[in-house]
C-alpha atoms as a PDB file:
ATOM      1  CA  MET A   1     -28.820 -13.527  32.694  1.00  0.00           C
ATOM      2  CA  MET A   2     -25.898 -12.234  34.747  1.00  0.00           C
ATOM      3  CA  PRO A   3     -27.048 -14.013  37.941  1.00  0.00           C
ATOM      4  CA  PHE A   4     -27.079 -17.280  35.981  1.00  0.00           C
ATOM      5  CA  PHE A   5     -23.408 -16.851  35.080  1.00  0.00           C
ATOM      6  CA  LEU A   6     -22.565 -15.846  38.639  1.00  0.00           C
ATOM      7  CA  ASP A   7     -24.309 -18.968  39.956  1.00  0.00           C
ATOM      8  CA  LEU A   8     -22.541 -21.088  37.362  1.00  0.00           C
ATOM      9  CA  TRP A   9     -19.072 -19.712  38.101  1.00  0.00           C
ATOM     10  CA  GLY A  10     -19.507 -19.013  41.774  1.00  0.00           C
ATOM     11  CA  CYS A  11     -19.837 -15.820  43.684  1.00  0.00           C
ATOM     12  CA  ILE A  12     -17.601 -12.832  42.969  1.00  0.00           C
ATOM     13  CA  PRO A  13     -17.470 -10.638  46.089  1.00  0.00           C
ATOM     14  CA  GLU A  14     -15.899  -7.779  44.129  1.00  0.00           C
ATOM     15  CA  LEU A  15     -19.135  -7.468  42.159  1.00  0.00           C
ATOM     16  CA  SER A  16     -21.765  -8.332  44.752  1.00  0.00           C
ATOM     17  CA  LYS A  17     -21.727  -8.281  48.545  1.00  0.00           C
ATOM     18  CA  ASN A  18     -24.450 -10.894  49.142  1.00  0.00           C
ATOM     19  CA  CYS A  19     -22.376 -14.011  48.623  1.00  0.00           C
ATOM     20  CA  THR A  20     -19.969 -16.337  50.333  1.00  0.00           C
ATOM     21  CA  ASP A  21     -16.350 -15.317  49.996  1.00  0.00           C
ATOM     22  CA  MET A  22     -14.444 -17.451  47.494  1.00  0.00           C
ATOM     23  CA  THR A  23     -11.515 -15.075  47.158  1.00  0.00           C
ATOM     24  CA  ASN A  24      -9.164 -17.160  45.020  1.00  0.00           C
ATOM     25  CA  ALA A  25     -11.866 -18.375  42.666  1.00  0.00           C
ATOM     26  CA  SER A  26     -13.552 -15.001  42.438  1.00  0.00           C
ATOM     27  CA  SER A  27     -10.254 -13.246  41.781  1.00  0.00           C
ATOM     28  CA  THR A  28      -9.525 -15.765  39.053  1.00  0.00           C
ATOM     29  CA  TYR A  29     -12.936 -15.215  37.487  1.00  0.00           C
ATOM     30  CA  LEU A  30     -12.583 -11.460  37.722  1.00  0.00           C
ATOM     31  CA  GLY A  31      -9.098 -11.689  36.187  1.00  0.00           C
ATOM     32  CA  VAL A  32     -10.420 -13.815  33.340  1.00  0.00           C
ATOM     33  CA  ILE A  33     -13.269 -11.386  32.710  1.00  0.00           C
ATOM     34  CA  MET A  34     -10.940  -8.388  32.757  1.00  0.00           C
ATOM     35  CA  GLY A  35      -8.496 -10.255  30.516  1.00  0.00           C
ATOM     36  CA  VAL A  36     -11.240 -10.920  28.003  1.00  0.00           C
ATOM     37  CA  ILE A  37     -12.286  -7.273  28.053  1.00  0.00           C
ATOM     38  CA  VAL A  38      -8.737  -5.944  27.705  1.00  0.00           C
ATOM     39  CA  GLY A  39      -7.896  -8.572  25.081  1.00  0.00           C
ATOM     40  CA  SER A  40     -10.985  -7.673  23.089  1.00  0.00           C
ATOM     41  CA  ILE A  41     -10.151  -3.982  23.194  1.00  0.00           C
ATOM     42  CA  VAL A  42      -6.538  -4.562  22.156  1.00  0.00           C
ATOM     43  CA  SER A  43      -7.578  -6.975  19.403  1.00  0.00           C
ATOM     44  CA  TRP A  44     -10.118  -4.483  18.057  1.00  0.00           C
ATOM     45  CA  TRP A  45      -7.542  -1.687  18.206  1.00  0.00           C
ATOM     46  CA  ILE A  46      -4.962  -3.757  16.308  1.00  0.00           C
ATOM     47  CA  TYR A  47      -7.563  -4.830  13.734  1.00  0.00           C
ATOM     48  CA  ASN A  48      -8.686  -1.237  13.246  1.00  0.00           C
ATOM     49  CA  ARG A  49      -5.108   0.018  12.836  1.00  0.00           C
ATOM     50  CA  GLN A  50      -4.276  -2.734  10.341  1.00  0.00           C
ATOM     51  CA  LYS A  51      -7.449  -2.017   8.399  1.00  0.00           C
ATOM     52  CA  ARG A  52      -6.630   1.687   8.136  1.00  0.00           C
ATOM     53  CA  THR A  53      -3.037   0.907   7.193  1.00  0.00           C
ATOM     54  CA  SER A  54      -4.229  -1.538   4.549  1.00  0.00           C
ATOM     55  CA  GLU A  55      -6.605   1.045   3.081  1.00  0.00           C
ATOM     56  CA  GLN A  56      -3.815   3.619   2.927  1.00  0.00           C
ATOM     57  CA  GLN A  57      -1.508   1.094   1.282  1.00  0.00           C
ATOM     58  CA  ASP A  58      -4.193   0.295  -1.292  1.00  0.00           C
ATOM     59  CA  LYS A  59      -4.560   3.997  -2.098  1.00  0.00           C
ATOM     60  CA  ILE A  60      -0.802   4.389  -2.421  1.00  0.00           C
ATOM     61  CA  LEU A  61      -0.517   1.292  -4.622  1.00  0.00           C
ATOM     62  CA  SER A  62      -3.299   2.484  -6.909  1.00  0.00           C
ATOM     63  CA  ARG A  63      -1.563   5.860  -7.194  1.00  0.00           C
ATOM     64  CA  ILE A  64       1.740   4.133  -7.990  1.00  0.00           C
ATOM     65  CA  GLU A  65       0.042   2.015 -10.661  1.00  0.00           C
ATOM     66  CA  TYR A  66      -1.493   5.150 -12.169  1.00  0.00           C
ATOM     67  CA  LEU A  67       1.873   6.923 -12.203  1.00  0.00           C
ATOM     68  CA  GLU A  68       3.581   3.852 -13.646  1.00  0.00           C
ATOM     69  CA  LYS A  69       1.013   3.696 -16.450  1.00  0.00           C
ATOM     70  CA  ASN A  70       1.565   7.376 -17.215  1.00  0.00           C
ATOM     71  CA  HIS A  71       5.315   6.829 -17.071  1.00  0.00           C
ATOM     72  CA  SER A  72       5.143   3.968 -19.560  1.00  0.00           C
ATOM     73  CA  ASP A  73       2.924   6.067 -21.857  1.00  0.00           C
ATOM     74  CA  ILE A  74       5.433   8.914 -21.739  1.00  0.00           C
ATOM     75  CA  LEU A  75       8.309   6.525 -22.439  1.00  0.00           C
ATOM     76  CA  LYS A  76       6.428   5.111 -25.420  1.00  0.00           C
ATOM     77  CA  LYS A  77       5.804   8.604 -26.783  1.00  0.00           C
ATOM     78  CA  LEU A  78       9.463   9.469 -26.302  1.00  0.00           C
ATOM     79  CA  ALA A  79      10.509   6.300 -28.115  1.00  0.00           C
ATOM     80  CA  ASP A  80       8.166   7.123 -31.005  1.00  0.00           C
ATOM     81  CA  PHE A  81       9.530  10.665 -31.122  1.00  0.00           C
ATOM     82  CA  ASP A  82      13.076   9.328 -31.054  1.00  0.00           C
ATOM     83  CA  ASP A  83      12.337   6.965 -33.942  1.00  0.00           C
ATOM     84  CA  LYS A  84      10.821   9.812 -35.961  1.00  0.00           C
ATOM     85  CA  HIS A  85      13.721  12.079 -35.057  1.00  0.00           C
ATOM     86  CA  GLU A  86      16.203   9.356 -35.994  1.00  0.00           C
ATOM     87  CA  SER A  87      14.701   8.961 -39.463  1.00  0.00           C
ATOM     88  CA  SER A  88      14.774  12.747 -39.955  1.00  0.00           C
ATOM     89  CA  PHE A  89      18.379  12.840 -38.793  1.00  0.00           C
ATOM     90  CA  ASP A  90      19.283  10.037 -41.208  1.00  0.00           C
ATOM     91  CA  ALA A  91      17.633  11.953 -44.064  1.00  0.00           C
ATOM     92  CA  ILE A  92      19.602  15.092 -43.161  1.00  0.00           C
ATOM     93  CA  GLN A  93      22.843  13.110 -43.098  1.00  0.00           C
ATOM     94  CA  GLU A  94      22.021  11.640 -46.500  1.00  0.00           C
ATOM     95  CA  LEU A  95      21.428  15.139 -47.884  1.00  0.00           C
ATOM     96  CA  ASP A  96      24.695  16.310 -46.344  1.00  0.00           C
ATOM     97  CA  ARG A  97      26.533  13.426 -47.979  1.00  0.00           C
ATOM     98  CA  LYS A  98      24.969  14.234 -51.358  1.00  0.00           C
ATOM     99  CA  ILE A  99      25.894  17.907 -50.988  1.00  0.00           C
ATOM    100  CA  ASP A 100      29.467  16.907 -50.174  1.00  0.00           C
ATOM    101  CA  VAL A 101      29.571  14.709 -53.289  1.00  0.00           C
ATOM    102  CA  LEU A 102      28.241  17.568 -55.437  1.00  0.00           C
ATOM    103  CA  LEU A 103      30.738  20.012 -53.943  1.00  0.00           C
ATOM    104  CA  LYS A 104      33.558  17.561 -54.554  1.00  0.00           C
ATOM    105  CA  LYS A 105      32.482  17.136 -58.185  1.00  0.00           C
ATOM    106  CA  ASP A 106      32.306  20.909 -58.549  1.00  0.00           C
ATOM    107  CA  GLN A 107      35.819  21.323 -57.138  1.00  0.00           C
ATOM    108  CA  ASP A 108      37.165  18.563 -59.374  1.00  0.00           C
ATOM    109  CA  SER A 109      35.698  20.181 -62.464  1.00  0.00           C
ATOM    110  CA  LYS A 110      37.461  23.493 -61.811  1.00  0.00           C
END
């Protein structure tokens, strides 16, 4: 199959010695071929790096979502605890007020 492409494009003396010298054309063809090879390698390398970076970012984002969910659960528990604590604190203040009223009545009666 390679000889077909060489016949189609012309002879490349850098690759084979049994042809007529077409230096400018053959250098152009060789440059195009090398450009395609280098471009393919660079494109694959960039794709591979972006894929790995994307996978790492997905892992980090899933970890952040997990931590955020735990954080919101903890905040909800703290809010519930605060509400319960607030009602207990209000009850203690009410008892303190009643004790003060009783003590005041006791002092007034003396």
